[in-house]
N, C-alpha and C. Protein backbone atom coordinates (compact mmCIF):
# COMPACT_ATOMS: atom_id res chain seq x y z
N UNK A 1 5.07 41.87 -59.48
CA UNK A 1 4.66 41.24 -57.97
C UNK A 1 4.96 40.09 -57.36
N UNK A 2 4.98 39.37 -56.15
CA UNK A 2 4.93 38.02 -56.40
C UNK A 2 3.90 37.09 -56.51
N UNK A 3 4.88 36.20 -56.73
CA UNK A 3 2.74 34.83 -56.80
C UNK A 3 3.22 33.94 -56.08
N UNK A 4 4.14 33.53 -55.68
CA UNK A 4 4.23 32.55 -54.72
C UNK A 4 4.56 33.14 -53.22
N UNK A 5 3.85 32.90 -52.66
CA UNK A 5 4.23 33.25 -50.93
C UNK A 5 4.04 32.12 -50.06
N UNK A 6 5.16 32.30 -49.12
CA UNK A 6 4.53 31.65 -48.18
C UNK A 6 4.91 32.18 -46.62
N UNK A 7 3.60 31.83 -45.25
CA UNK A 7 3.50 32.39 -44.26
C UNK A 7 3.62 31.39 -43.47
N UNK A 8 4.61 31.74 -42.28
CA UNK A 8 4.62 30.83 -40.93
C UNK A 8 4.78 31.67 -39.83
N UNK A 9 3.82 31.15 -39.19
CA UNK A 9 3.60 31.97 -37.52
C UNK A 9 2.87 30.68 -37.16
N UNK A 10 3.10 30.57 -35.82
CA UNK A 10 2.79 29.58 -35.06
C UNK A 10 1.23 29.83 -33.93
N UNK A 11 1.31 31.19 -33.98
CA UNK A 11 0.97 32.07 -33.16
C UNK A 11 -1.05 32.14 -33.58
N UNK A 12 -1.43 32.49 -32.85
CA UNK A 12 -3.03 32.61 -32.97
C UNK A 12 -2.74 34.33 -32.56
N UNK A 13 -4.58 34.57 -32.86
CA UNK A 13 -4.71 35.98 -32.98
C UNK A 13 -5.44 36.47 -31.37
N UNK A 14 -4.59 37.53 -30.99
CA UNK A 14 -5.31 37.99 -29.48
C UNK A 14 -5.44 39.28 -29.89
N UNK A 15 -6.55 39.60 -29.08
CA UNK A 15 -7.36 41.16 -28.89
C UNK A 15 -6.30 42.02 -29.10
N UNK A 16 -5.34 42.30 -28.71
CA UNK A 16 -3.96 43.10 -28.79
C UNK A 16 -3.62 43.22 -30.17
N UNK A 17 -3.94 42.32 -30.93
CA UNK A 17 -3.32 42.37 -32.53
C UNK A 17 -4.23 43.15 -33.60
N UNK A 18 -5.47 43.27 -32.90
CA UNK A 18 -6.53 43.82 -34.00
C UNK A 18 -5.99 45.12 -34.47
N UNK A 19 -5.46 46.10 -33.49
CA UNK A 19 -5.18 47.71 -33.91
C UNK A 19 -4.11 47.61 -35.08
N UNK A 20 -2.90 46.40 -35.01
CA UNK A 20 -1.92 46.56 -35.89
C UNK A 20 -2.21 45.90 -37.24
N UNK A 21 -3.12 45.36 -37.88
CA UNK A 21 -3.68 44.96 -38.99
C UNK A 21 -4.79 45.02 -39.74
N UNK A 22 -4.71 45.49 -40.66
CA UNK A 22 -5.85 45.50 -41.32
C UNK A 22 -6.78 44.05 -41.74
N UNK A 23 -5.71 42.84 -41.41
CA UNK A 23 -6.28 41.69 -42.00
C UNK A 23 -7.09 40.88 -40.55
N UNK A 24 -7.36 41.06 -39.69
CA UNK A 24 -7.68 40.92 -38.35
C UNK A 24 -9.02 41.27 -37.95
N UNK A 25 -10.11 40.39 -37.53
CA UNK A 25 -11.49 40.77 -37.33
C UNK A 25 -11.67 40.61 -35.68
N UNK A 26 -12.35 40.90 -34.94
CA UNK A 26 -12.91 40.33 -33.70
C UNK A 26 -12.97 39.06 -34.11
N UNK A 27 -13.61 38.48 -34.60
CA UNK A 27 -14.13 37.04 -34.58
C UNK A 27 -13.18 36.19 -35.08
N UNK A 28 -11.73 36.58 -35.10
CA UNK A 28 -10.81 36.08 -35.44
C UNK A 28 -9.70 35.88 -34.15
N UNK A 29 -9.99 36.25 -33.05
CA UNK A 29 -9.69 36.19 -32.07
C UNK A 29 -9.30 34.77 -31.94
N UNK A 30 -8.26 34.45 -31.14
CA UNK A 30 -7.81 32.64 -31.08
C UNK A 30 -7.45 32.19 -32.32
N UNK A 31 -7.96 32.29 -33.69
CA UNK A 31 -7.53 31.73 -34.78
C UNK A 31 -5.99 31.70 -35.34
N UNK A 32 -5.44 31.35 -35.94
CA UNK A 32 -4.12 30.58 -36.33
C UNK A 32 -4.28 32.18 -37.21
N UNK A 33 -2.75 33.11 -37.12
CA UNK A 33 -2.80 34.08 -37.72
C UNK A 33 -2.63 34.03 -38.99
N UNK A 34 -1.80 33.17 -39.71
CA UNK A 34 -1.40 32.76 -41.20
C UNK A 34 -2.57 32.38 -41.67
N UNK A 35 -3.33 31.40 -41.19
CA UNK A 35 -4.63 30.87 -41.65
C UNK A 35 -5.43 32.41 -42.29
N UNK A 36 -5.64 33.23 -40.88
CA UNK A 36 -6.86 34.29 -41.75
C UNK A 36 -5.84 35.44 -42.71
N UNK A 37 -4.97 35.48 -42.65
CA UNK A 37 -3.76 36.42 -43.33
C UNK A 37 -3.99 35.79 -44.32
N UNK A 38 -3.91 34.31 -44.81
CA UNK A 38 -3.63 33.82 -46.06
C UNK A 38 -5.15 34.02 -46.75
N UNK A 39 -6.09 33.94 -45.76
CA UNK A 39 -7.44 33.50 -46.86
C UNK A 39 -7.72 35.07 -47.10
N UNK A 40 -7.42 36.10 -46.61
CA UNK A 40 -7.34 37.24 -46.63
C UNK A 40 -6.57 38.15 -47.79
N UNK A 41 -5.89 38.00 -47.46
CA UNK A 41 -4.79 38.18 -48.67
C UNK A 41 -5.11 37.95 -49.95
N UNK A 42 -5.14 36.66 -50.18
CA UNK A 42 -5.78 35.88 -51.62
C UNK A 42 -7.06 36.42 -52.12
N UNK A 43 -8.43 36.49 -51.26
CA UNK A 43 -9.11 37.56 -51.38
C UNK A 43 -8.66 39.04 -52.17
N UNK A 44 -7.98 39.91 -51.93
CA UNK A 44 -7.36 40.72 -52.32
C UNK A 44 -6.34 40.69 -53.66
N UNK A 45 -5.39 39.31 -53.71
CA UNK A 45 -4.92 39.17 -55.30
C UNK A 45 -5.16 37.70 -54.92
N UNK A 46 -5.89 37.57 -56.29
CA UNK A 46 -6.42 36.02 -55.96
C UNK A 46 -5.28 35.43 -57.08
N UNK A 47 -4.51 36.21 -57.72
CA UNK A 47 -3.50 35.46 -58.77
C UNK A 47 -2.20 35.05 -58.05
N UNK A 48 -2.56 35.10 -56.69
CA UNK A 48 -0.94 34.88 -55.73
C UNK A 48 -1.54 33.24 -55.64
N UNK A 49 -0.45 32.29 -55.02
CA UNK A 49 -0.43 31.27 -54.57
C UNK A 49 0.42 31.22 -53.33
N UNK A 50 -0.93 31.27 -51.99
CA UNK A 50 -0.32 31.38 -50.80
C UNK A 50 0.06 30.71 -49.74
N UNK A 51 0.63 30.02 -49.27
CA UNK A 51 0.56 28.69 -48.49
C UNK A 51 0.99 28.97 -46.88
N UNK A 52 -0.08 28.94 -46.29
CA UNK A 52 0.10 29.35 -44.83
C UNK A 52 0.50 27.93 -43.64
N UNK A 53 1.48 28.22 -43.16
CA UNK A 53 2.28 27.16 -41.84
C UNK A 53 1.85 27.47 -40.50
N UNK A 54 0.83 27.04 -39.87
CA UNK A 54 0.54 27.40 -38.71
C UNK A 54 1.57 26.43 -37.88
N UNK A 55 3.28 26.67 -37.71
CA UNK A 55 4.20 25.85 -37.24
C UNK A 55 5.49 26.92 -36.77
N UNK A 56 6.06 26.13 -36.01
CA UNK A 56 7.42 27.75 -36.03
C UNK A 56 8.21 27.43 -37.14
N UNK A 57 8.98 28.36 -37.22
CA UNK A 57 9.93 28.62 -37.81
C UNK A 57 10.88 27.47 -38.07
N UNK A 58 11.22 27.05 -37.13
CA UNK A 58 12.33 25.94 -37.02
C UNK A 58 11.62 24.15 -37.65
N UNK A 59 10.22 24.46 -37.47
CA UNK A 59 9.97 23.33 -37.74
C UNK A 59 9.81 23.00 -39.45
N UNK A 60 9.53 24.31 -39.81
CA UNK A 60 8.68 24.47 -41.13
C UNK A 60 10.26 24.49 -42.18
N UNK A 61 11.14 25.20 -41.44
CA UNK A 61 12.72 25.34 -42.68
C UNK A 61 13.76 24.94 -41.48
N UNK A 62 13.96 23.69 -41.73
CA UNK A 62 15.17 23.16 -40.34
C UNK A 62 16.49 22.96 -41.25
N UNK A 63 16.86 23.80 -42.43
CA UNK A 63 17.66 23.67 -43.34
C UNK A 63 18.03 24.57 -44.33
N UNK A 64 19.09 25.08 -44.64
CA UNK A 64 19.14 26.44 -45.75
C UNK A 64 18.40 25.69 -46.94
N UNK A 65 18.59 24.23 -47.09
CA UNK A 65 17.90 23.82 -48.91
C UNK A 65 16.33 24.11 -48.90
N UNK A 66 16.01 24.45 -47.17
CA UNK A 66 14.49 24.61 -47.24
C UNK A 66 13.87 26.31 -47.78
N UNK A 67 14.83 27.31 -47.61
CA UNK A 67 14.98 28.35 -47.91
C UNK A 67 15.59 29.09 -49.51
N UNK A 68 16.24 27.93 -49.98
CA UNK A 68 16.80 28.27 -51.24
C UNK A 68 15.45 28.48 -52.19
N UNK A 69 14.39 27.48 -51.70
CA UNK A 69 13.34 27.41 -53.08
C UNK A 69 12.59 28.94 -53.27
N UNK A 70 13.40 30.37 -52.40
CA UNK A 70 12.69 31.58 -52.55
C UNK A 70 13.40 32.55 -52.30
N UNK A 71 12.94 33.68 -53.94
CA UNK A 71 13.90 34.82 -54.57
C UNK A 71 14.16 35.38 -53.27
N UNK A 72 13.23 35.96 -52.15
CA UNK A 72 13.13 36.58 -51.35
C UNK A 72 12.61 36.55 -49.95
N UNK A 73 13.28 36.87 -48.52
CA UNK A 73 12.82 35.75 -47.35
C UNK A 73 12.15 37.86 -46.54
N UNK A 74 11.49 37.65 -45.90
CA UNK A 74 10.85 39.36 -45.61
C UNK A 74 10.72 37.99 -43.91
N UNK A 75 11.52 39.04 -43.19
CA UNK A 75 11.09 38.61 -41.44
C UNK A 75 10.54 39.72 -41.00
N UNK A 76 9.63 39.04 -39.85
CA UNK A 76 8.87 40.18 -39.47
C UNK A 76 8.43 39.69 -38.17
N UNK A 77 9.91 38.90 -37.53
CA UNK A 77 9.06 38.53 -36.34
C UNK A 77 9.76 39.00 -34.89
N UNK A 78 8.55 38.56 -33.90
CA UNK A 78 9.44 39.29 -32.49
C UNK A 78 10.31 38.82 -31.44
N UNK A 79 11.02 37.76 -32.10
CA UNK A 79 11.78 37.36 -31.55
C UNK A 79 13.38 36.84 -31.64
N UNK A 80 13.76 37.29 -30.57
CA UNK A 80 15.24 37.82 -31.23
C UNK A 80 16.07 36.44 -31.89
N UNK A 81 16.10 35.07 -30.81
CA UNK A 81 16.71 33.86 -31.51
C UNK A 81 15.72 33.51 -32.46
N UNK A 82 14.62 33.92 -33.03
CA UNK A 82 13.82 33.27 -34.65
C UNK A 82 14.76 33.96 -35.37
N UNK A 83 14.62 35.51 -34.80
CA UNK A 83 14.96 36.03 -36.58
C UNK A 83 16.45 35.83 -36.59
N UNK A 84 17.56 35.36 -34.92
CA UNK A 84 19.27 35.17 -35.36
C UNK A 84 19.06 33.46 -36.51
N UNK A 85 17.93 33.06 -36.37
CA UNK A 85 18.21 31.55 -36.94
C UNK A 85 17.59 31.47 -37.96
N UNK A 86 16.67 32.81 -38.47
CA UNK A 86 15.92 32.69 -40.19
C UNK A 86 17.33 33.94 -40.78
N UNK A 87 18.18 34.34 -40.21
CA UNK A 87 19.26 35.15 -40.33
C UNK A 87 20.36 34.15 -40.91
N UNK A 88 20.20 33.21 -40.22
CA UNK A 88 21.14 32.27 -40.80
C UNK A 88 21.14 31.47 -41.70
N UNK A 89 20.04 31.00 -41.40
CA UNK A 89 19.42 30.49 -42.93
C UNK A 89 19.58 30.75 -44.43
N UNK A 90 19.32 32.42 -44.38
CA UNK A 90 19.34 33.41 -45.01
C UNK A 90 20.74 33.54 -45.54
N UNK A 91 21.47 33.56 -44.62
CA UNK A 91 23.01 33.49 -45.18
C UNK A 91 23.64 32.44 -45.73
N UNK A 92 23.17 31.48 -45.00
CA UNK A 92 24.15 30.27 -45.34
C UNK A 92 23.22 29.47 -47.22
N UNK A 93 21.73 29.94 -47.28
CA UNK A 93 21.62 29.68 -48.40
C UNK A 93 21.27 30.48 -49.69
N UNK A 94 22.11 31.85 -49.21
CA UNK A 94 22.69 33.03 -50.16
C UNK A 94 21.22 33.62 -50.51
N UNK A 95 19.92 33.63 -49.97
CA UNK A 95 18.74 34.32 -50.08
C UNK A 95 18.97 35.58 -49.27
N UNK A 96 18.40 36.64 -50.38
CA UNK A 96 18.27 38.23 -49.12
C UNK A 96 17.27 37.84 -48.67
N UNK A 97 17.57 38.04 -47.34
CA UNK A 97 16.66 38.62 -46.21
C UNK A 97 16.05 40.37 -45.90
N UNK A 98 14.91 40.72 -46.05
CA UNK A 98 14.66 42.14 -45.19
C UNK A 98 14.03 41.84 -43.87
N UNK A 99 14.68 42.35 -43.13
CA UNK A 99 14.69 42.00 -41.56
C UNK A 99 13.92 43.57 -41.36
N UNK A 100 12.94 42.64 -40.08
CA UNK A 100 11.72 44.19 -39.84
C UNK A 100 11.51 43.82 -38.81
N UNK A 101 10.88 44.69 -38.02
CA UNK A 101 10.92 44.70 -36.48
C UNK A 101 10.68 45.87 -36.12
N UNK A 102 9.78 45.64 -34.87
CA UNK A 102 9.56 46.71 -33.27
C UNK A 102 9.89 46.48 -32.43
N UNK A 103 10.72 47.62 -31.78
CA UNK A 103 10.70 46.92 -30.07
C UNK A 103 10.26 48.32 -29.29
N UNK A 104 8.95 48.38 -28.50
CA UNK A 104 8.94 49.69 -27.75
C UNK A 104 8.18 50.39 -28.66
N UNK A 105 8.62 51.62 -29.28
CA UNK A 105 8.18 52.34 -29.70
C UNK A 105 9.02 52.93 -31.03
N UNK A 106 9.95 51.92 -31.23
CA UNK A 106 10.91 52.05 -32.75
C UNK A 106 10.76 50.91 -33.60
N UNK A 107 11.41 51.17 -34.27
CA UNK A 107 10.71 50.56 -35.68
C UNK A 107 12.17 49.89 -36.75
N UNK A 108 12.31 48.88 -37.49
CA UNK A 108 13.77 48.75 -38.06
C UNK A 108 13.28 48.24 -39.06
N UNK A 109 13.53 48.40 -40.20
CA UNK A 109 14.10 47.42 -41.74
C UNK A 109 15.05 47.35 -42.37
N UNK A 110 15.76 46.29 -42.78
CA UNK A 110 16.79 46.27 -43.30
C UNK A 110 16.97 45.12 -44.13
N UNK A 111 17.71 45.51 -45.42
CA UNK A 111 18.40 44.26 -46.31
C UNK A 111 19.71 43.76 -45.29
N UNK A 112 19.92 42.12 -45.73
CA UNK A 112 20.46 41.43 -45.44
C UNK A 112 20.79 40.73 -46.72
N UNK A 113 21.86 40.68 -47.33
CA UNK A 113 22.54 39.61 -48.54
C UNK A 113 23.61 39.13 -48.29
N UNK A 114 24.15 38.38 -47.93
CA UNK A 114 25.58 37.68 -48.00
C UNK A 114 26.46 38.08 -49.14
N UNK A 115 27.61 38.26 -48.69
CA UNK A 115 28.75 39.02 -49.37
C UNK A 115 28.13 40.58 -49.76
N UNK A 116 27.66 41.32 -48.99
CA UNK A 116 27.08 42.67 -49.61
C UNK A 116 26.84 43.69 -48.16
N UNK A 117 25.72 42.74 -47.97
CA UNK A 117 25.66 43.77 -46.49
C UNK A 117 26.12 42.80 -45.49
N UNK A 118 25.53 43.60 -43.82
CA UNK A 118 25.71 43.27 -42.48
C UNK A 118 24.96 41.96 -42.49
N UNK A 119 24.93 41.62 -41.73
CA UNK A 119 24.21 40.02 -41.31
C UNK A 119 23.21 40.80 -40.01
N UNK A 120 22.41 39.81 -39.64
CA UNK A 120 21.89 40.04 -38.27
C UNK A 120 22.35 40.29 -36.99
N UNK A 121 23.21 39.20 -37.12
CA UNK A 121 24.23 38.86 -35.90
C UNK A 121 25.17 40.30 -35.70
N UNK A 122 25.39 40.46 -36.90
CA UNK A 122 26.72 42.06 -36.83
C UNK A 122 26.09 43.06 -35.94
N UNK A 123 24.62 43.04 -36.20
CA UNK A 123 23.96 44.70 -35.64
C UNK A 123 23.96 44.38 -34.42
N UNK A 124 24.77 45.77 -33.70
CA UNK A 124 24.25 45.18 -32.07
C UNK A 124 22.75 45.17 -31.64
N UNK A 125 22.77 44.07 -31.06
CA UNK A 125 21.04 43.90 -30.66
C UNK A 125 21.22 44.14 -29.05
N UNK A 126 20.24 45.31 -28.91
CA UNK A 126 19.96 45.07 -27.40
C UNK A 126 19.40 44.74 -26.57
N UNK A 127 19.11 44.69 -25.25
CA UNK A 127 17.83 42.99 -24.82
C UNK A 127 16.88 44.19 -24.74
N UNK A 128 15.59 43.96 -25.00
CA UNK A 128 14.40 43.73 -25.66
C UNK A 128 13.90 44.60 -23.86
N UNK A 129 13.69 45.94 -23.83
CA UNK A 129 12.83 46.07 -22.48
C UNK A 129 11.10 45.00 -22.22
N UNK A 130 10.85 44.94 -23.34
CA UNK A 130 9.03 44.38 -22.94
C UNK A 130 9.39 43.04 -24.26
N UNK A 131 8.79 41.58 -23.58
CA UNK A 131 8.88 40.82 -24.29
C UNK A 131 7.33 40.46 -24.76
N UNK A 132 7.20 39.99 -26.01
CA UNK A 132 6.10 40.06 -26.86
C UNK A 132 4.87 38.92 -26.01
N UNK A 133 3.63 39.37 -26.04
CA UNK A 133 2.76 38.24 -25.17
C UNK A 133 2.99 36.52 -26.20
N UNK A 134 3.15 36.77 -27.05
CA UNK A 134 2.82 35.62 -27.83
C UNK A 134 4.51 34.39 -27.24
N UNK A 135 5.45 35.28 -27.45
CA UNK A 135 6.88 34.94 -26.47
C UNK A 135 6.45 34.06 -25.60
N UNK A 136 6.02 35.40 -24.25
CA UNK A 136 5.38 34.78 -23.53
C UNK A 136 4.80 33.37 -23.22
N UNK A 137 3.90 33.02 -24.15
CA UNK A 137 2.67 32.46 -23.77
C UNK A 137 3.29 30.90 -24.46
N UNK A 138 3.74 31.14 -25.64
CA UNK A 138 4.51 30.28 -26.50
C UNK A 138 6.21 29.73 -26.57
N UNK A 139 6.76 30.40 -25.92
CA UNK A 139 7.79 29.70 -25.97
C UNK A 139 8.25 31.12 -24.50
N UNK A 140 8.31 30.79 -23.07
CA UNK A 140 8.85 31.32 -22.06
C UNK A 140 10.15 30.62 -21.68
N UNK A 141 10.99 31.02 -22.81
CA UNK A 141 12.40 30.32 -22.56
C UNK A 141 13.25 31.07 -21.26
N UNK A 142 12.75 31.75 -20.62
CA UNK A 142 13.58 32.87 -19.57
C UNK A 142 12.89 32.83 -18.42
N UNK A 143 13.52 32.91 -17.17
CA UNK A 143 12.70 32.90 -15.83
C UNK A 143 11.67 34.35 -15.85
N UNK A 144 12.44 35.54 -16.56
CA UNK A 144 11.74 36.11 -16.50
C UNK A 144 10.55 36.61 -17.46
N UNK A 145 9.82 35.05 -18.14
CA UNK A 145 9.17 34.73 -19.11
C UNK A 145 8.08 34.15 -18.22
N UNK A 146 8.69 33.60 -17.22
CA UNK A 146 7.46 32.93 -16.40
C UNK A 146 6.88 33.93 -15.79
N UNK A 147 7.93 34.73 -14.85
CA UNK A 147 7.27 35.61 -14.16
C UNK A 147 6.68 36.37 -14.72
N UNK A 148 6.33 37.16 -16.01
CA UNK A 148 5.73 37.77 -16.59
C UNK A 148 4.29 37.38 -16.61
N UNK A 149 4.76 36.15 -17.13
CA UNK A 149 3.10 35.48 -17.48
C UNK A 149 2.04 34.93 -16.37
N UNK A 150 2.78 34.97 -15.18
CA UNK A 150 2.54 34.61 -13.75
C UNK A 150 1.78 35.99 -12.91
N UNK A 151 2.42 37.53 -13.23
CA UNK A 151 1.90 38.33 -13.16
C UNK A 151 0.95 39.26 -14.01
N UNK A 152 0.62 38.48 -15.30
CA UNK A 152 -0.54 38.82 -16.01
C UNK A 152 -1.64 38.03 -15.82
N UNK A 153 -1.78 36.57 -15.24
CA UNK A 153 -2.71 35.63 -14.86
C UNK A 153 -3.27 36.32 -13.56
N UNK A 154 -2.28 36.76 -12.68
CA UNK A 154 -2.63 37.07 -11.82
C UNK A 154 -3.72 37.82 -11.47
N UNK A 155 -3.05 39.19 -12.32
CA UNK A 155 -3.93 40.36 -12.62
C UNK A 155 -5.21 40.32 -13.69
N UNK A 156 -5.07 39.53 -14.32
CA UNK A 156 -6.31 38.79 -14.95
C UNK A 156 -7.39 37.82 -13.80
N UNK A 157 -6.63 37.28 -13.28
CA UNK A 157 -7.78 36.14 -12.20
C UNK A 157 -8.51 36.99 -11.23
N UNK A 158 -7.72 38.27 -10.87
CA UNK A 158 -7.64 38.71 -9.25
C UNK A 158 -7.94 40.51 -9.48
N UNK A 159 -7.68 40.95 -11.01
CA UNK A 159 -7.88 42.20 -10.63
C UNK A 159 -6.67 42.86 -11.03
N UNK A 160 -6.79 43.88 -11.22
CA UNK A 160 -5.78 45.11 -11.76
C UNK A 160 -4.74 45.28 -10.92
N UNK A 161 -5.10 45.45 -9.29
CA UNK A 161 -4.98 45.96 -8.73
C UNK A 161 -4.68 45.16 -7.82
N UNK A 162 -3.30 44.68 -7.81
CA UNK A 162 -2.60 43.32 -7.31
C UNK A 162 -2.70 43.66 -5.46
N UNK A 163 -2.45 44.49 -4.92
CA UNK A 163 -2.29 44.95 -3.67
C UNK A 163 -3.24 44.97 -2.90
N UNK A 164 -4.74 45.32 -3.12
CA UNK A 164 -6.00 45.18 -3.12
C UNK A 164 -6.36 43.61 -2.98
N UNK A 165 -5.60 42.77 -4.44
CA UNK A 165 -6.62 41.60 -4.25
C UNK A 165 -5.99 40.89 -3.78
N UNK A 166 -4.51 41.00 -2.87
CA UNK A 166 -3.84 40.35 -2.04
C UNK A 166 -4.60 40.40 -0.39
N UNK A 167 -4.77 41.08 -0.21
CA UNK A 167 -5.46 42.03 0.67
C UNK A 167 -7.02 41.36 0.83
N UNK A 168 -7.58 41.51 -0.19
CA UNK A 168 -8.84 40.33 -0.17
C UNK A 168 -8.69 39.01 -0.37
N UNK A 169 -7.74 38.46 -0.77
CA UNK A 169 -7.13 37.12 -0.26
C UNK A 169 -7.29 36.79 0.84
N UNK A 170 -6.32 37.66 1.12
CA UNK A 170 -6.08 37.65 2.67
C UNK A 170 -7.07 37.71 3.61
N UNK A 171 -7.87 38.10 3.36
CA UNK A 171 -9.48 38.66 4.39
C UNK A 171 -10.19 37.32 3.63
N UNK A 172 -9.88 36.62 2.76
CA UNK A 172 -10.77 35.80 2.59
C UNK A 172 -10.66 34.47 3.13
N UNK A 173 -9.29 34.65 3.66
CA UNK A 173 -8.63 33.38 4.13
C UNK A 173 -8.70 33.26 5.58
N UNK A 174 -8.24 34.53 6.11
CA UNK A 174 -8.98 34.73 7.19
C UNK A 174 -10.14 34.33 7.62
N UNK A 175 -11.08 34.68 7.02
CA UNK A 175 -12.60 34.40 7.04
C UNK A 175 -12.89 32.94 6.81
N UNK A 176 -12.05 32.32 6.23
CA UNK A 176 -12.22 30.88 6.29
C UNK A 176 -11.65 29.52 7.63
N UNK A 177 -10.70 30.57 7.78
CA UNK A 177 -10.23 30.32 9.09
C UNK A 177 -11.01 30.06 10.35
N UNK A 178 -11.77 31.27 10.35
CA UNK A 178 -12.37 31.69 11.65
C UNK A 178 -13.36 30.63 11.80
N UNK A 179 -13.70 30.52 10.65
CA UNK A 179 -15.27 29.37 10.71
C UNK A 179 -14.58 27.68 10.94
C-alpha cells in the first residue's frame, strides 16, 4: 500500500458533504475537509504518513518539481480548471495521474500517463450543467457563479419561494412607505 499520502483541498465541510463520505460527521461542518479526512484516515491506517494541506492546489504544487516526489497522483477535483492544471503538472513531471470525478449523475475514472495514454486535455470536456457549491463559494470565476450564489443567498434569506418572497418584500416596503 501507500505509506506517504498528501491531501490538498482548501474547502470546508458543508452539510451536503455528509452523505458522500464516511469520514465526515455533522459536528465536522465548517471544518477543513483535509484535516478531518487526515485525522480519520490515520486512525484507520496508523502506519501511513498523511500530510493535509488546507490550501489551493496551485499554492501547494506550483511547479512540476513539486509533483515529482510522488509515485502516483489521484485527482478528485470538482473544478475543470484545477483538473487541467493537475493534468499538466503530472504530464510535465511524468508522474501518472488517476483522474476521477462526477458530473450530475455520471462519473468517470481513467489513467493519465505521459507517452502511454491520452491526457485530460485530450478528452472532450462538456460544459458542466451544474457548478459545485464549493466552486461558487471559493472561486466564483464566471458571472453565472455570482448569479447562482446570489440566488442561493436570496432563497436562504427569504425562503424557498422567491415569488412570494418578492411579494412579501414589496408589501413590507409599501407598508413602510405609507407610514
